Amino acid sequence: AGGQMLLSVGLLALALLAAYRLYLRWGTRSGPGGAARRGEADPLPRMKRRDFSLEQLREFDGARNPRILLAVNGKVFDVTKGSKFYGPEGPYGIFAGRDASRGLATFCLDKDALRDEYDDLSDLNAVQMESVREWEMQFKEKYDYVGRLLKPGEEPSEYTDEEDTKDHTKQE
């Protein structure tokens, strides 16, 4: 039993090492125009807080604009520093400039997981909604919160300079 445990730990260590090496190899790749490297070498200034309609959010897809935003559970995050993942060449690039909630909740990276209209997520089950909330917390910890995703007909909030200079990760 001890030998089998040692073998399992060894195989796990090998798998983790292989995954890490793949990450290093893929992570240093830069797509056309070197967008990933440009984001690392010359970070964009912090974005002023504002709210976004779906149409406004789509402009920030990393292709039309070097800044990359995405929404999770009604909150918009600046994921530009994660351009290796969310940029046009990244594995999650499909979410750039979009509401990623449904795709993250259902673990689906297909166009089918994205809606062209506002998605209230009302058809998701409790487990999927919990997953959306967990993703939201992860994004809050890692990326700057820059505003809300507006529902159709909803008016954007007016943010003061004081609110704008607060820690963007702390939200409501």
Protein backbone atom coordinates (compact mmCIF):
# COMPACT_ATOMS: atom_id res chain seq x y z
CA ALA A 1 0.00 0.00 0.00
CA GLY A 2 2.90 2.37 0.81
CA GLY A 3 4.55 1.68 -2.55
CA GLN A 4 1.32 2.34 -4.38
CA MET A 5 0.91 5.64 -2.51
CA LEU A 6 4.50 6.62 -3.40
CA LEU A 7 3.85 5.75 -7.05
CA SER A 8 0.65 7.84 -7.05
CA VAL A 9 2.45 10.83 -5.52
CA GLY A 10 5.26 10.44 -8.06
CA LEU A 11 2.84 10.31 -10.98
CA LEU A 12 1.00 13.35 -9.65
CA ALA A 13 4.29 15.24 -9.35
CA LEU A 14 5.19 14.31 -12.94
CA ALA A 15 1.79 15.43 -14.19
CA LEU A 16 2.12 18.75 -12.36
CA LEU A 17 5.62 19.27 -13.74
CA ALA A 18 4.41 18.55 -17.27
CA ALA A 19 1.49 20.96 -16.85
CA TYR A 20 3.84 23.65 -15.51
CA ARG A 21 6.24 23.20 -18.44
CA LEU A 22 3.34 23.44 -20.90
CA TYR A 23 2.17 26.59 -19.15
CA LEU A 24 5.65 28.12 -19.37
CA ARG A 25 5.93 27.23 -23.04
CA TRP A 26 2.44 28.45 -23.93
CA GLY A 27 2.62 31.46 -21.63
CA THR A 28 5.72 32.87 -23.30
CA ARG A 29 4.16 32.60 -26.75
CA SER A 30 3.14 35.90 -28.17
CA GLY A 31 0.51 36.19 -30.85
CA PRO A 32 0.45 38.54 -33.84
CA GLY A 33 1.57 41.99 -32.84
CA GLY A 34 2.97 40.72 -29.55
CA ALA A 35 -0.15 41.82 -27.66
CA ALA A 36 0.63 39.62 -24.67
CA ARG A 37 4.14 40.98 -24.30
CA ARG A 38 3.04 44.56 -24.88
CA GLY A 39 0.56 44.15 -22.00
CA GLU A 40 3.30 42.89 -19.71
CA ALA A 41 5.97 45.41 -20.69
CA ASP A 42 3.83 48.53 -20.81
CA PRO A 43 0.74 48.13 -18.62
CA LEU A 44 -2.22 50.31 -19.43
CA PRO A 45 -3.21 52.92 -16.84
CA ARG A 46 -5.94 51.92 -14.41
CA MET A 47 -9.32 52.38 -15.98
CA LYS A 48 -11.77 54.87 -14.49
CA ARG A 49 -14.80 53.15 -13.05
CA ARG A 50 -17.88 53.18 -15.27
CA ASP A 51 -20.78 50.96 -16.24
CA PHE A 52 -21.12 49.17 -19.57
CA SER A 53 -23.88 48.06 -21.89
CA LEU A 54 -23.22 44.79 -23.73
CA GLU A 55 -22.40 46.79 -26.87
CA GLN A 56 -19.88 48.97 -25.02
CA LEU A 57 -18.30 45.92 -23.40
CA ARG A 58 -17.72 44.27 -26.81
CA GLU A 59 -15.27 47.03 -27.77
CA PHE A 60 -12.83 45.73 -25.13
CA ASP A 61 -12.02 42.37 -26.74
CA GLY A 62 -8.24 42.76 -27.01
CA ALA A 63 -8.42 43.00 -30.81
CA ARG A 64 -10.14 46.36 -31.43
CA ASN A 65 -8.79 47.77 -28.17
CA PRO A 66 -5.68 46.61 -26.27
CA ARG A 67 -7.67 46.62 -23.03
CA ILE A 68 -9.58 43.41 -22.31
CA LEU A 69 -12.72 43.44 -20.19
CA LEU A 70 -15.21 40.73 -19.35
CA ALA A 71 -18.28 40.49 -17.15
CA VAL A 72 -19.04 37.89 -14.50
CA ASN A 73 -22.33 37.96 -12.60
CA GLY A 74 -23.10 41.55 -13.61
CA LYS A 75 -19.66 42.91 -12.70
CA VAL A 76 -17.06 44.03 -15.25
CA PHE A 77 -13.39 43.24 -14.70
CA ASP A 78 -10.28 44.47 -16.50
CA VAL A 79 -8.44 41.24 -17.37
CA THR A 80 -5.82 42.90 -19.59
CA LYS A 81 -2.97 41.63 -17.40
CA GLY A 82 -4.26 38.12 -18.15
CA SER A 83 -4.09 38.67 -21.92
CA LYS A 84 -2.31 35.31 -22.35
CA PHE A 85 -5.59 33.72 -21.30
CA TYR A 86 -8.24 36.26 -22.36
CA GLY A 87 -6.61 37.85 -25.42
CA PRO A 88 -7.55 36.93 -29.01
CA GLU A 89 -5.05 34.03 -29.06
CA GLY A 90 -5.78 32.85 -25.50
CA PRO A 91 -7.71 29.75 -24.48
CA TYR A 92 -10.47 31.92 -22.93
CA GLY A 93 -10.35 34.61 -25.63
CA ILE A 94 -13.96 33.84 -26.50
CA PHE A 95 -14.97 35.64 -23.28
CA ALA A 96 -13.10 38.89 -24.07
CA GLY A 97 -15.50 41.80 -24.34
CA ARG A 98 -18.42 39.59 -23.33
CA ASP A 99 -20.46 38.38 -20.37
CA ALA A 100 -18.59 35.19 -19.45
CA SER A 101 -21.02 34.11 -16.70
CA ARG A 102 -22.88 31.37 -18.57
CA GLY A 103 -19.73 29.89 -20.10
CA LEU A 104 -17.96 29.80 -16.74
CA ALA A 105 -21.02 28.35 -14.98
CA THR A 106 -21.44 25.57 -17.54
CA PHE A 107 -17.72 25.04 -18.25
CA CYS A 108 -18.45 25.71 -21.92
CA LEU A 109 -15.96 27.55 -24.14
CA ASP A 110 -18.18 27.48 -27.24
CA LYS A 111 -19.96 30.42 -28.85
CA ASP A 112 -23.18 28.69 -27.65
CA ALA A 113 -22.30 29.75 -24.10
CA LEU A 114 -22.46 33.43 -25.06
CA ARG A 115 -25.62 35.46 -25.53
CA ASP A 116 -25.92 38.51 -27.75
CA GLU A 117 -28.62 39.93 -25.48
CA TYR A 118 -28.44 40.58 -21.74
CA ASP A 119 -28.42 37.21 -19.95
CA ASP A 120 -30.19 37.18 -16.56
CA LEU A 121 -28.96 33.59 -15.93
CA SER A 122 -32.42 32.71 -14.58
CA ASP A 123 -32.35 29.25 -16.16
CA LEU A 124 -29.15 28.17 -14.41
CA ASN A 125 -29.46 25.68 -11.57
CA ALA A 126 -28.21 26.26 -8.01
CA VAL A 127 -24.87 24.51 -8.60
CA GLN A 128 -24.23 26.59 -11.73
CA MET A 129 -25.14 29.84 -9.94
CA GLU A 130 -22.78 28.93 -7.10
CA SER A 131 -20.08 28.37 -9.71
CA VAL A 132 -20.74 31.85 -11.16
CA ARG A 133 -20.38 33.38 -7.68
CA GLU A 134 -17.12 31.49 -7.11
CA TRP A 135 -15.75 32.73 -10.45
CA GLU A 136 -16.80 36.27 -9.51
CA MET A 137 -14.83 36.00 -6.26
CA GLN A 138 -11.76 34.73 -8.12
CA PHE A 139 -11.94 37.63 -10.57
CA LYS A 140 -12.35 40.11 -7.68
CA GLU A 141 -9.15 38.78 -6.11
CA LYS A 142 -7.09 38.80 -9.28
CA TYR A 143 -8.35 41.64 -11.50
CA ASP A 144 -9.56 45.24 -11.21
CA TYR A 145 -13.30 45.71 -10.87
CA VAL A 146 -14.17 48.51 -13.31
CA GLY A 147 -17.98 48.72 -13.20
CA ARG A 148 -21.29 46.98 -13.71
CA LEU A 149 -22.85 45.33 -16.73
CA LEU A 150 -26.05 47.24 -17.39
CA LYS A 151 -29.40 45.55 -17.89
CA PRO A 152 -31.39 46.84 -20.90
CA GLY A 153 -32.82 50.28 -20.07
CA GLU A 154 -30.72 50.61 -16.90
CA GLU A 155 -28.90 53.91 -16.44
CA PRO A 156 -25.17 53.93 -15.65
CA SER A 157 -24.04 55.01 -12.19
CA GLU A 158 -22.10 58.21 -11.65
CA TYR A 159 -18.82 57.35 -9.96
CA THR A 160 -16.90 59.96 -8.01
CA ASP A 161 -13.12 60.31 -8.19
CA GLU A 162 -13.01 59.06 -4.60
CA GLU A 163 -14.82 55.83 -5.53
CA ASP A 164 -12.58 55.50 -8.54
CA THR A 165 -9.40 55.63 -6.48
CA LYS A 166 -10.64 53.08 -3.92
CA ASP A 167 -9.35 49.55 -4.19
CA HIS A 168 -11.18 48.23 -7.24
CA THR A 169 -11.31 44.72 -5.82
CA LYS A 170 -13.63 45.75 -3.00
CA GLN A 171 -17.16 45.95 -4.34
CA GLU A 172 -20.52 46.31 -2.61
